[in-house]
C-alpha atoms as a PDB file:
ATOM      1  CA  UNK A   1       1.873  21.521   2.815  1.00  0.00           C
ATOM      2  CA  UNK A   2       3.816  23.148   0.017  1.00  0.00           C
ATOM      3  CA  UNK A   3       2.136  25.368  -2.553  1.00  0.00           C
ATOM      4  CA  UNK A   4       3.046  22.849  -5.258  1.00  0.00           C
ATOM      5  CA  UNK A   5       1.393  20.013  -3.323  1.00  0.00           C
ATOM      6  CA  UNK A   6      -1.715  22.093  -2.625  1.00  0.00           C
ATOM      7  CA  UNK A   7      -1.967  22.891  -6.340  1.00  0.00           C
ATOM      8  CA  UNK A   8      -1.480  19.199  -7.136  1.00  0.00           C
ATOM      9  CA  UNK A   9      -4.289  18.174  -4.785  1.00  0.00           C
ATOM     10  CA  UNK A  10      -6.586  20.771  -6.372  1.00  0.00           C
ATOM     11  CA  UNK A  11      -5.594  19.448  -9.808  1.00  0.00           C
ATOM     12  CA  UNK A  12      -6.343  15.897  -8.709  1.00  0.00           C
ATOM     13  CA  UNK A  13      -9.806  16.871  -7.484  1.00  0.00           C
ATOM     14  CA  UNK A  14     -10.457  18.767 -10.714  1.00  0.00           C
ATOM     15  CA  UNK A  15      -9.522  15.672 -12.744  1.00  0.00           C
ATOM     16  CA  UNK A  16     -11.888  13.569 -10.642  1.00  0.00           C
ATOM     17  CA  UNK A  17     -14.692  16.120 -11.078  1.00  0.00           C
ATOM     18  CA  UNK A  18     -14.098  16.303 -14.839  1.00  0.00           C
ATOM     19  CA  UNK A  19     -14.052  12.582 -15.567  1.00  0.00           C
ATOM     20  CA  UNK A  20     -16.214  10.932 -12.901  1.00  0.00           C
ATOM     21  CA  UNK A  21     -19.888  11.347 -12.117  1.00  0.00           C
ATOM     22  CA  UNK A  22     -22.441  10.637  -9.412  1.00  0.00           C
ATOM     23  CA  UNK A  23     -21.661   8.045  -6.779  1.00  0.00           C
ATOM     24  CA  UNK A  24     -18.311   7.234  -8.403  1.00  0.00           C
ATOM     25  CA  UNK A  25     -17.233  10.872  -8.118  1.00  0.00           C
ATOM     26  CA  UNK A  26     -18.353  11.148  -4.497  1.00  0.00           C
ATOM     27  CA  UNK A  27     -16.549   7.923  -3.570  1.00  0.00           C
ATOM     28  CA  UNK A  28     -13.253   9.122  -5.060  1.00  0.00           C
ATOM     29  CA  UNK A  29     -13.526  12.648  -3.633  1.00  0.00           C
ATOM     30  CA  UNK A  30     -14.185  11.153  -0.203  1.00  0.00           C
ATOM     31  CA  UNK A  31     -11.190   8.863  -0.636  1.00  0.00           C
ATOM     32  CA  UNK A  32      -9.024  11.863  -1.558  1.00  0.00           C
ATOM     33  CA  UNK A  33     -10.194  13.757   1.536  1.00  0.00           C
ATOM     34  CA  UNK A  34      -9.590  10.757   3.786  1.00  0.00           C
ATOM     35  CA  UNK A  35      -6.147  10.001   2.332  1.00  0.00           C
ATOM     36  CA  UNK A  36      -4.853  13.581   2.377  1.00  0.00           C
ATOM     37  CA  UNK A  37      -3.814  13.816   6.056  1.00  0.00           C
ATOM     38  CA  UNK A  38      -1.334  11.447   7.697  1.00  0.00           C
ATOM     39  CA  UNK A  39      -2.901   8.380   9.338  1.00  0.00           C
ATOM     40  CA  UNK A  40      -1.797   6.819  12.616  1.00  0.00           C
ATOM     41  CA  UNK A  41      -2.610   3.100  12.801  1.00  0.00           C
ATOM     42  CA  UNK A  42      -1.362   1.782  16.119  1.00  0.00           C
ATOM     43  CA  UNK A  43       2.361   2.542  16.288  1.00  0.00           C
ATOM     44  CA  UNK A  44       2.609   2.928  12.491  1.00  0.00           C
ATOM     45  CA  UNK A  45       2.397   6.359  10.848  1.00  0.00           C
ATOM     46  CA  UNK A  46       1.284   6.366   7.206  1.00  0.00           C
ATOM     47  CA  UNK A  47       1.926   9.524   5.230  1.00  0.00           C
ATOM     48  CA  UNK A  48      -1.080  11.082   3.548  1.00  0.00           C
ATOM     49  CA  UNK A  49      -1.248  12.552   0.060  1.00  0.00           C
ATOM     50  CA  UNK A  50      -0.009  15.896   1.421  1.00  0.00           C
ATOM     51  CA  UNK A  51       3.372  14.481   2.388  1.00  0.00           C
ATOM     52  CA  UNK A  52       3.894  11.055   0.834  1.00  0.00           C
ATOM     53  CA  UNK A  53       6.716  10.612  -1.665  1.00  0.00           C
ATOM     54  CA  UNK A  54       6.070   8.370  -4.660  1.00  0.00           C
ATOM     55  CA  UNK A  55       9.214   6.383  -3.948  1.00  0.00           C
ATOM     56  CA  UNK A  56      12.090   6.278  -1.549  1.00  0.00           C
ATOM     57  CA  UNK A  57      14.945   6.170  -4.065  1.00  0.00           C
ATOM     58  CA  UNK A  58      13.934   6.056  -7.701  1.00  0.00           C
ATOM     59  CA  UNK A  59      11.536   8.887  -8.424  1.00  0.00           C
ATOM     60  CA  UNK A  60       9.561  11.682  -6.798  1.00  0.00           C
ATOM     61  CA  UNK A  61      11.376  11.169  -3.512  1.00  0.00           C
ATOM     62  CA  UNK A  62      10.100  14.365  -1.925  1.00  0.00           C
ATOM     63  CA  UNK A  63       7.201  15.575   0.145  1.00  0.00           C
ATOM     64  CA  UNK A  64       4.093  15.543  -2.050  1.00  0.00           C
ATOM     65  CA  UNK A  65       5.834  13.372  -4.652  1.00  0.00           C
ATOM     66  CA  UNK A  66       2.967  10.881  -4.752  1.00  0.00           C
ATOM     67  CA  UNK A  67       0.520  13.546  -5.954  1.00  0.00           C
ATOM     68  CA  UNK A  68       3.080  14.747  -8.500  1.00  0.00           C
ATOM     69  CA  UNK A  69       3.546  11.179  -9.729  1.00  0.00           C
ATOM     70  CA  UNK A  70      -0.193  10.622 -10.057  1.00  0.00           C
ATOM     71  CA  UNK A  71      -0.638  13.809 -12.102  1.00  0.00           C
ATOM     72  CA  UNK A  72       2.342  12.964 -14.322  1.00  0.00           C
ATOM     73  CA  UNK A  73       0.872   9.519 -15.007  1.00  0.00           C
ATOM     74  CA  UNK A  74      -2.328  11.242 -16.176  1.00  0.00           C
ATOM     75  CA  UNK A  75      -0.286  13.592 -18.390  1.00  0.00           C
ATOM     76  CA  UNK A  76       1.451  10.551 -19.892  1.00  0.00           C
ATOM     77  CA  UNK A  77      -1.920   9.019 -20.736  1.00  0.00           C
ATOM     78  CA  UNK A  78      -3.016  12.306 -22.343  1.00  0.00           C
ATOM     79  CA  UNK A  79       0.075  12.313 -24.574  1.00  0.00           C
ATOM     80  CA  UNK A  80      -0.146   8.621 -25.461  1.00  0.00           C
ATOM     81  CA  UNK A  81      -3.811   8.690 -26.428  1.00  0.00           C
ATOM     82  CA  UNK A  82      -2.966  11.285 -29.080  1.00  0.00           C
ATOM     83  CA  UNK A  83      -0.635   8.753 -30.703  1.00  0.00           C
ATOM     84  CA  UNK A  84      -2.681   5.614 -30.026  1.00  0.00           C
ATOM     85  CA  UNK A  85      -6.408   6.284 -30.578  1.00  0.00           C
ATOM     86  CA  UNK A  86      -7.392   2.877 -29.197  1.00  0.00           C
ATOM     87  CA  UNK A  87      -6.326   4.180 -25.764  1.00  0.00           C
ATOM     88  CA  UNK A  88      -9.677   5.915 -25.697  1.00  0.00           C
ATOM     89  CA  UNK A  89     -12.133   3.694 -27.518  1.00  0.00           C
ATOM     90  CA  UNK A  90     -15.002   4.776 -25.245  1.00  0.00           C
ATOM     91  CA  UNK A  91     -15.929   1.191 -24.466  1.00  0.00           C
ATOM     92  CA  UNK A  92     -13.003  -0.658 -22.940  1.00  0.00           C
ATOM     93  CA  UNK A  93     -10.755   2.312 -22.293  1.00  0.00           C
ATOM     94  CA  UNK A  94     -12.234   5.601 -21.124  1.00  0.00           C
ATOM     95  CA  UNK A  95     -10.681   8.573 -19.338  1.00  0.00           C
ATOM     96  CA  UNK A  96     -12.696   7.656 -16.230  1.00  0.00           C
ATOM     97  CA  UNK A  97     -11.311   4.100 -16.175  1.00  0.00           C
ATOM     98  CA  UNK A  98      -7.749   5.265 -16.724  1.00  0.00           C
ATOM     99  CA  UNK A  99      -8.044   7.926 -14.021  1.00  0.00           C
ATOM    100  CA  UNK A 100      -9.578   5.504 -11.535  1.00  0.00           C
ATOM    101  CA  UNK A 101      -6.836   2.989 -12.259  1.00  0.00           C
ATOM    102  CA  UNK A 102      -4.025   5.493 -11.813  1.00  0.00           C
ATOM    103  CA  UNK A 103      -5.622   7.045  -8.748  1.00  0.00           C
ATOM    104  CA  UNK A 104      -6.556   3.810  -7.024  1.00  0.00           C
ATOM    105  CA  UNK A 105      -3.208   2.108  -7.651  1.00  0.00           C
ATOM    106  CA  UNK A 106      -1.218   5.183  -6.642  1.00  0.00           C
ATOM    107  CA  UNK A 107      -3.151   6.818  -3.838  1.00  0.00           C
ATOM    108  CA  UNK A 108      -4.230   3.777  -1.878  1.00  0.00           C
ATOM    109  CA  UNK A 109      -0.888   2.081  -1.421  1.00  0.00           C
ATOM    110  CA  UNK A 110       0.393   2.488   2.141  1.00  0.00           C
ATOM    111  CA  UNK A 111       3.361   4.792   2.526  1.00  0.00           C
ATOM    112  CA  UNK A 112       4.926   4.228   5.895  1.00  0.00           C
ATOM    113  CA  UNK A 113       6.964   6.958   7.496  1.00  0.00           C
ATOM    114  CA  UNK A 114       8.718   4.428   9.692  1.00  0.00           C
ATOM    115  CA  UNK A 115      10.121   1.867   7.238  1.00  0.00           C
END
């Protein structure tokens, strides 16, 4: 694992710890731990967060690119909420909901090493 990816994984866990609490936090930290290494499912190898690119052609096409993409999506939200206050109304949109959405949609999609 590259230093940049290791730093990204630490940053991801820090974001989770900052914005989630209790059972929700534990669930997402466990998911991060379980998704970090590569997973072999039958003959199919799925890359974990340590190695998975975000895409194969368009963006973040490098080892650890998925973690980089996830963190950049969070940074985008941070910038946008400064310009659009309704992006953090505390009821419908909260940092925890945004983080869970970004994390769940990004980190749980299968990334096959064989396709």
